[in-house]
Amino acid sequence: MKIDVEIVDVDKLRNDLIEHFTAAMFIVSPIAMIDLNKVESASNEEIIKMAIDNKFNMNKYLKNNSK
């Protein structure tokens, strides 16, 4: 799935991925800390790929749908 970076609210997506991996780190797996570090330094394209790989609903992050 290819998504145009220009139409995605990457800041909101990055923050939600950070929350996702922070919760996973404490609740499920300390290994999630590695993913958290990746999110913090990832490019916009990498953030989108990580979100898709983690089954995030990308429709929530389209700029015309952001609230």
PDB file of N, CA and C in Angstrom:
ATOM      1  N   MET A   1       0.854  -1.190   0.000  1.00  0.00           N
ATOM      2  CA  MET A   1       0.000   0.000   0.000  1.00  0.00           C
ATOM      3  C   MET A   1       0.888   1.237   0.000  1.00  0.00           C
ATOM      4  N   LYS A   2       0.698   2.091  -0.961  1.00  0.00           N
ATOM      5  CA  LYS A   2       1.457   3.330  -1.075  1.00  0.00           C
ATOM      6  C   LYS A   2       0.554   4.497  -0.697  1.00  0.00           C
ATOM      7  N   ILE A   3       1.009   5.301   0.253  1.00  0.00           N
ATOM      8  CA  ILE A   3       0.240   6.467   0.690  1.00  0.00           C
ATOM      9  C   ILE A   3       1.104   7.703   0.522  1.00  0.00           C
ATOM     10  N   ASP A   4       0.534   8.734  -0.049  1.00  0.00           N
ATOM     11  CA  ASP A   4       1.230   9.999  -0.252  1.00  0.00           C
ATOM     12  C   ASP A   4       1.453  10.681   1.094  1.00  0.00           C
ATOM     13  N   VAL A   5       2.704  10.945   1.414  1.00  0.00           N
ATOM     14  CA  VAL A   5       3.074  11.568   2.687  1.00  0.00           C
ATOM     15  C   VAL A   5       2.392  12.921   2.869  1.00  0.00           C
ATOM     16  N   GLU A   6       2.155  13.615   1.784  1.00  0.00           N
ATOM     17  CA  GLU A   6       1.575  14.953   1.846  1.00  0.00           C
ATOM     18  C   GLU A   6       0.152  14.979   2.400  1.00  0.00           C
ATOM     19  N   ILE A   7      -0.565  13.861   2.289  1.00  0.00           N
ATOM     20  CA  ILE A   7      -1.958  13.857   2.750  1.00  0.00           C
ATOM     21  C   ILE A   7      -2.127  13.235   4.142  1.00  0.00           C
ATOM     22  N   VAL A   8      -0.999  12.874   4.769  1.00  0.00           N
ATOM     23  CA  VAL A   8      -1.045  12.220   6.075  1.00  0.00           C
ATOM     24  C   VAL A   8      -0.575  13.188   7.157  1.00  0.00           C
ATOM     25  N   ASP A   9      -1.297  13.224   8.260  1.00  0.00           N
ATOM     26  CA  ASP A   9      -0.879  13.992   9.430  1.00  0.00           C
ATOM     27  C   ASP A   9       0.175  13.158  10.164  1.00  0.00           C
ATOM     28  N   VAL A  10       1.421  13.286   9.712  1.00  0.00           N
ATOM     29  CA  VAL A  10       2.507  12.448  10.207  1.00  0.00           C
ATOM     30  C   VAL A  10       2.801  12.732  11.679  1.00  0.00           C
ATOM     31  N   ASP A  11       2.655  13.959  12.120  1.00  0.00           N
ATOM     32  CA  ASP A  11       2.909  14.280  13.529  1.00  0.00           C
ATOM     33  C   ASP A  11       1.943  13.529  14.447  1.00  0.00           C
ATOM     34  N   LYS A  12       0.681  13.532  14.093  1.00  0.00           N
ATOM     35  CA  LYS A  12      -0.325  12.802  14.877  1.00  0.00           C
ATOM     36  C   LYS A  12      -0.043  11.306  14.825  1.00  0.00           C
ATOM     37  N   LEU A  13       0.302  10.814  13.654  1.00  0.00           N
ATOM     38  CA  LEU A  13       0.611   9.401  13.480  1.00  0.00           C
ATOM     39  C   LEU A  13       1.838   9.004  14.306  1.00  0.00           C
ATOM     40  N   ARG A  14       2.871   9.828  14.275  1.00  0.00           N
ATOM     41  CA  ARG A  14       4.085   9.554  15.060  1.00  0.00           C
ATOM     42  C   ARG A  14       3.753   9.509  16.560  1.00  0.00           C
ATOM     43  N   ASN A  15       2.968  10.481  17.018  1.00  0.00           N
ATOM     44  CA  ASN A  15       2.597  10.511  18.439  1.00  0.00           C
ATOM     45  C   ASN A  15       1.803   9.268  18.836  1.00  0.00           C
ATOM     46  N   ASP A  16       0.889   8.844  17.976  1.00  0.00           N
ATOM     47  CA  ASP A  16       0.094   7.653  18.279  1.00  0.00           C
ATOM     48  C   ASP A  16       0.951   6.389  18.261  1.00  0.00           C
ATOM     49  N   LEU A  17       1.923   6.319  17.358  1.00  0.00           N
ATOM     50  CA  LEU A  17       2.837   5.175  17.346  1.00  0.00           C
ATOM     51  C   LEU A  17       3.700   5.162  18.612  1.00  0.00           C
ATOM     52  N   ILE A  18       4.146   6.328  19.050  1.00  0.00           N
ATOM     53  CA  ILE A  18       4.925   6.414  20.294  1.00  0.00           C
ATOM     54  C   ILE A  18       4.086   5.915  21.461  1.00  0.00           C
ATOM     55  N   GLU A  19       2.835   6.346  21.541  1.00  0.00           N
ATOM     56  CA  GLU A  19       1.944   5.868  22.603  1.00  0.00           C
ATOM     57  C   GLU A  19       1.739   4.358  22.515  1.00  0.00           C
ATOM     58  N   HIS A  20       1.560   3.864  21.299  1.00  0.00           N
ATOM     59  CA  HIS A  20       1.349   2.428  21.067  1.00  0.00           C
ATOM     60  C   HIS A  20       2.539   1.615  21.583  1.00  0.00           C
ATOM     61  N   PHE A  21       3.745   2.007  21.197  1.00  0.00           N
ATOM     62  CA  PHE A  21       4.928   1.250  21.593  1.00  0.00           C
ATOM     63  C   PHE A  21       5.297   1.466  23.057  1.00  0.00           C
ATOM     64  N   THR A  22       4.978   2.636  23.608  1.00  0.00           N
ATOM     65  CA  THR A  22       5.219   2.862  25.033  1.00  0.00           C
ATOM     66  C   THR A  22       4.339   1.939  25.865  1.00  0.00           C
ATOM     67  N   ALA A  23       3.072   1.836  25.491  1.00  0.00           N
ATOM     68  CA  ALA A  23       2.164   0.936  26.206  1.00  0.00           C
ATOM     69  C   ALA A  23       2.633  -0.511  26.058  1.00  0.00           C
ATOM     70  N   ALA A  24       3.024  -0.892  24.861  1.00  0.00           N
ATOM     71  CA  ALA A  24       3.487  -2.266  24.625  1.00  0.00           C
ATOM     72  C   ALA A  24       4.738  -2.564  25.438  1.00  0.00           C
ATOM     73  N   MET A  25       5.578  -1.573  25.587  1.00  0.00           N
ATOM     74  CA  MET A  25       6.823  -1.751  26.325  1.00  0.00           C
ATOM     75  C   MET A  25       6.547  -2.116  27.775  1.00  0.00           C
ATOM     76  N   PHE A  26       5.560  -1.471  28.378  1.00  0.00           N
ATOM     77  CA  PHE A  26       5.273  -1.705  29.788  1.00  0.00           C
ATOM     78  C   PHE A  26       4.309  -2.866  30.014  1.00  0.00           C
ATOM     79  N   ILE A  27       3.412  -3.099  29.070  1.00  0.00           N
ATOM     80  CA  ILE A  27       2.379  -4.107  29.265  1.00  0.00           C
ATOM     81  C   ILE A  27       2.780  -5.460  28.671  1.00  0.00           C
ATOM     82  N   VAL A  28       3.334  -5.450  27.479  1.00  0.00           N
ATOM     83  CA  VAL A  28       3.538  -6.699  26.753  1.00  0.00           C
ATOM     84  C   VAL A  28       5.006  -7.102  26.662  1.00  0.00           C
ATOM     85  N   SER A  29       5.850  -6.185  26.190  1.00  0.00           N
ATOM     86  CA  SER A  29       7.207  -6.600  25.861  1.00  0.00           C
ATOM     87  C   SER A  29       8.209  -5.460  25.994  1.00  0.00           C
ATOM     88  N   PRO A  30       9.254  -5.686  26.768  1.00  0.00           N
ATOM     89  CA  PRO A  30      10.326  -4.677  26.843  1.00  0.00           C
ATOM     90  C   PRO A  30      11.024  -4.472  25.497  1.00  0.00           C
ATOM     91  N   ILE A  31      10.904  -5.437  24.598  1.00  0.00           N
ATOM     92  CA  ILE A  31      11.518  -5.323  23.273  1.00  0.00           C
ATOM     93  C   ILE A  31      10.870  -4.194  22.470  1.00  0.00           C
ATOM     94  N   ALA A  32       9.665  -3.792  22.850  1.00  0.00           N
ATOM     95  CA  ALA A  32       8.997  -2.683  22.157  1.00  0.00           C
ATOM     96  C   ALA A  32       9.796  -1.395  22.262  1.00  0.00           C
ATOM     97  N   MET A  33      10.730  -1.318  23.205  1.00  0.00           N
ATOM     98  CA  MET A  33      11.571  -0.125  23.340  1.00  0.00           C
ATOM     99  C   MET A  33      12.376   0.106  22.055  1.00  0.00           C
ATOM    100  N   ILE A  34      12.774  -0.965  21.405  1.00  0.00           N
ATOM    101  CA  ILE A  34      13.507  -0.849  20.138  1.00  0.00           C
ATOM    102  C   ILE A  34      12.624  -0.182  19.089  1.00  0.00           C
ATOM    103  N   ASP A  35      11.359  -0.625  19.015  1.00  0.00           N
ATOM    104  CA  ASP A  35      10.426  -0.019  18.067  1.00  0.00           C
ATOM    105  C   ASP A  35      10.166   1.439  18.416  1.00  0.00           C
ATOM    106  N   LEU A  36      10.081   1.736  19.694  1.00  0.00           N
ATOM    107  CA  LEU A  36       9.868   3.115  20.129  1.00  0.00           C
ATOM    108  C   LEU A  36      11.019   4.003  19.664  1.00  0.00           C
ATOM    109  N   ASN A  37      12.235   3.530  19.817  1.00  0.00           N
ATOM    110  CA  ASN A  37      13.401   4.300  19.357  1.00  0.00           C
ATOM    111  C   ASN A  37      13.365   4.504  17.849  1.00  0.00           C
ATOM    112  N   LYS A  38      12.922   3.499  17.113  1.00  0.00           N
ATOM    113  CA  LYS A  38      12.816   3.623  15.656  1.00  0.00           C
ATOM    114  C   LYS A  38      11.795   4.691  15.275  1.00  0.00           C
ATOM    115  N   VAL A  39      10.663   4.722  15.974  1.00  0.00           N
ATOM    116  CA  VAL A  39       9.609   5.703  15.677  1.00  0.00           C
ATOM    117  C   VAL A  39      10.135   7.116  15.887  1.00  0.00           C
ATOM    118  N   GLU A  40      10.873   7.302  16.949  1.00  0.00           N
ATOM    119  CA  GLU A  40      11.348   8.651  17.279  1.00  0.00           C
ATOM    120  C   GLU A  40      12.325   9.201  16.239  1.00  0.00           C
ATOM    121  N   SER A  41      13.035   8.315  15.543  1.00  0.00           N
ATOM    122  CA  SER A  41      14.013   8.801  14.567  1.00  0.00           C
ATOM    123  C   SER A  41      13.622   8.513  13.110  1.00  0.00           C
ATOM    124  N   ALA A  42      12.460   7.963  12.885  1.00  0.00           N
ATOM    125  CA  ALA A  42      12.042   7.560  11.542  1.00  0.00           C
ATOM    126  C   ALA A  42      11.654   8.754  10.663  1.00  0.00           C
ATOM    127  N   SER A  43      11.854   8.566   9.367  1.00  0.00           N
ATOM    128  CA  SER A  43      11.395   9.566   8.398  1.00  0.00           C
ATOM    129  C   SER A  43       9.872   9.462   8.288  1.00  0.00           C
ATOM    130  N   ASN A  44       9.267  10.425   7.623  1.00  0.00           N
ATOM    131  CA  ASN A  44       7.816  10.401   7.433  1.00  0.00           C
ATOM    132  C   ASN A  44       7.366   9.138   6.704  1.00  0.00           C
ATOM    133  N   GLU A  45       8.110   8.746   5.688  1.00  0.00           N
ATOM    134  CA  GLU A  45       7.773   7.538   4.938  1.00  0.00           C
ATOM    135  C   GLU A  45       7.863   6.297   5.824  1.00  0.00           C
ATOM    136  N   GLU A  46       8.891   6.245   6.656  1.00  0.00           N
ATOM    137  CA  GLU A  46       9.065   5.105   7.566  1.00  0.00           C
ATOM    138  C   GLU A  46       7.945   5.048   8.606  1.00  0.00           C
ATOM    139  N   ILE A  47       7.503   6.221   9.073  1.00  0.00           N
ATOM    140  CA  ILE A  47       6.398   6.281  10.040  1.00  0.00           C
ATOM    141  C   ILE A  47       5.142   5.676   9.427  1.00  0.00           C
ATOM    142  N   ILE A  48       4.855   6.036   8.203  1.00  0.00           N
ATOM    143  CA  ILE A  48       3.665   5.506   7.531  1.00  0.00           C
ATOM    144  C   ILE A  48       3.775   3.995   7.370  1.00  0.00           C
ATOM    145  N   LYS A  49       4.945   3.514   6.972  1.00  0.00           N
ATOM    146  CA  LYS A  49       5.139   2.069   6.815  1.00  0.00           C
ATOM    147  C   LYS A  49       4.967   1.352   8.153  1.00  0.00           C
ATOM    148  N   MET A  50       5.530   1.906   9.214  1.00  0.00           N
ATOM    149  CA  MET A  50       5.392   1.293  10.541  1.00  0.00           C
ATOM    150  C   MET A  50       3.926   1.229  10.967  1.00  0.00           C
ATOM    151  N   ALA A  51       3.203   2.288  10.696  1.00  0.00           N
ATOM    152  CA  ALA A  51       1.783   2.322  11.056  1.00  0.00           C
ATOM    153  C   ALA A  51       1.008   1.255  10.291  1.00  0.00           C
ATOM    154  N   ILE A  52       1.274   1.137   9.020  1.00  0.00           N
ATOM    155  CA  ILE A  52       0.602   0.112   8.212  1.00  0.00           C
ATOM    156  C   ILE A  52       0.972  -1.280   8.710  1.00  0.00           C
ATOM    157  N   ASP A  53       2.259  -1.495   8.988  1.00  0.00           N
ATOM    158  CA  ASP A  53       2.725  -2.795   9.486  1.00  0.00           C
ATOM    159  C   ASP A  53       2.084  -3.163  10.824  1.00  0.00           C
ATOM    160  N   ASN A  54       1.714  -2.131  11.611  1.00  0.00           N
ATOM    161  CA  ASN A  54       1.108  -2.362  12.924  1.00  0.00           C
ATOM    162  C   ASN A  54      -0.405  -2.240  12.886  1.00  0.00           C
ATOM    163  N   LYS A  55      -0.960  -2.305  11.676  1.00  0.00           N
ATOM    164  CA  LYS A  55      -2.414  -2.364  11.465  1.00  0.00           C
ATOM    165  C   LYS A  55      -3.160  -1.112  11.928  1.00  0.00           C
ATOM    166  N   PHE A  56      -2.500   0.053  11.849  1.00  0.00           N
ATOM    167  CA  PHE A  56      -3.182   1.303  12.167  1.00  0.00           C
ATOM    168  C   PHE A  56      -4.164   1.621  11.044  1.00  0.00           C
ATOM    169  N   ASN A  57      -5.297   2.216  11.396  1.00  0.00           N
ATOM    170  CA  ASN A  57      -6.279   2.657  10.413  1.00  0.00           C
ATOM    171  C   ASN A  57      -5.798   3.991   9.838  1.00  0.00           C
ATOM    172  N   MET A  58      -5.232   3.948   8.645  1.00  0.00           N
ATOM    173  CA  MET A  58      -4.643   5.150   8.064  1.00  0.00           C
ATOM    174  C   MET A  58      -5.682   6.220   7.729  1.00  0.00           C
ATOM    175  N   ASN A  59      -6.934   5.837   7.603  1.00  0.00           N
ATOM    176  CA  ASN A  59      -7.978   6.833   7.333  1.00  0.00           C
ATOM    177  C   ASN A  59      -8.064   7.865   8.454  1.00  0.00           C
ATOM    178  N   LYS A  60      -7.708   7.481   9.678  1.00  0.00           N
ATOM    179  CA  LYS A  60      -7.729   8.413  10.813  1.00  0.00           C
ATOM    180  C   LYS A  60      -6.688   9.520  10.677  1.00  0.00           C
ATOM    181  N   TYR A  61      -5.696   9.319   9.831  1.00  0.00           N
ATOM    182  CA  TYR A  61      -4.564  10.238   9.762  1.00  0.00           C
ATOM    183  C   TYR A  61      -4.498  11.042   8.469  1.00  0.00           C
ATOM    184  N   LEU A  62      -5.500  10.878   7.626  1.00  0.00           N
ATOM    185  CA  LEU A  62      -5.546  11.687   6.408  1.00  0.00           C
ATOM    186  C   LEU A  62      -5.905  13.117   6.798  1.00  0.00           C
ATOM    187  N   LYS A  63      -5.158  14.067   6.265  1.00  0.00           N
ATOM    188  CA  LYS A  63      -5.327  15.462   6.669  1.00  0.00           C
ATOM    189  C   LYS A  63      -6.750  15.970   6.482  1.00  0.00           C
ATOM    190  N   ASN A  64      -7.419  15.552   5.439  1.00  0.00           N
ATOM    191  CA  ASN A  64      -8.789  16.037   5.239  1.00  0.00           C
ATOM    192  C   ASN A  64      -9.760  15.406   6.229  1.00  0.00           C
ATOM    193  N   ASN A  65      -9.336  14.341   6.950  1.00  0.00           N
ATOM    194  CA  ASN A  65     -10.168  13.709   7.961  1.00  0.00           C
ATOM    195  C   ASN A  65      -9.726  14.031   9.388  1.00  0.00           C
ATOM    196  N   SER A  66      -8.576  14.695   9.540  1.00  0.00           N
ATOM    197  CA  SER A  66      -8.035  14.971  10.876  1.00  0.00           C
ATOM    198  C   SER A  66      -8.938  15.907  11.646  1.00  0.00           C
ATOM    199  N   LYS A  67      -9.108  15.578  12.927  1.00  0.00           N
ATOM    200  CA  LYS A  67      -9.945  16.421  13.780  1.00  0.00           C
ATOM    201  C   LYS A  67      -9.264  16.641  15.082  1.00  0.00           C
TER     202      LYS A  67
END
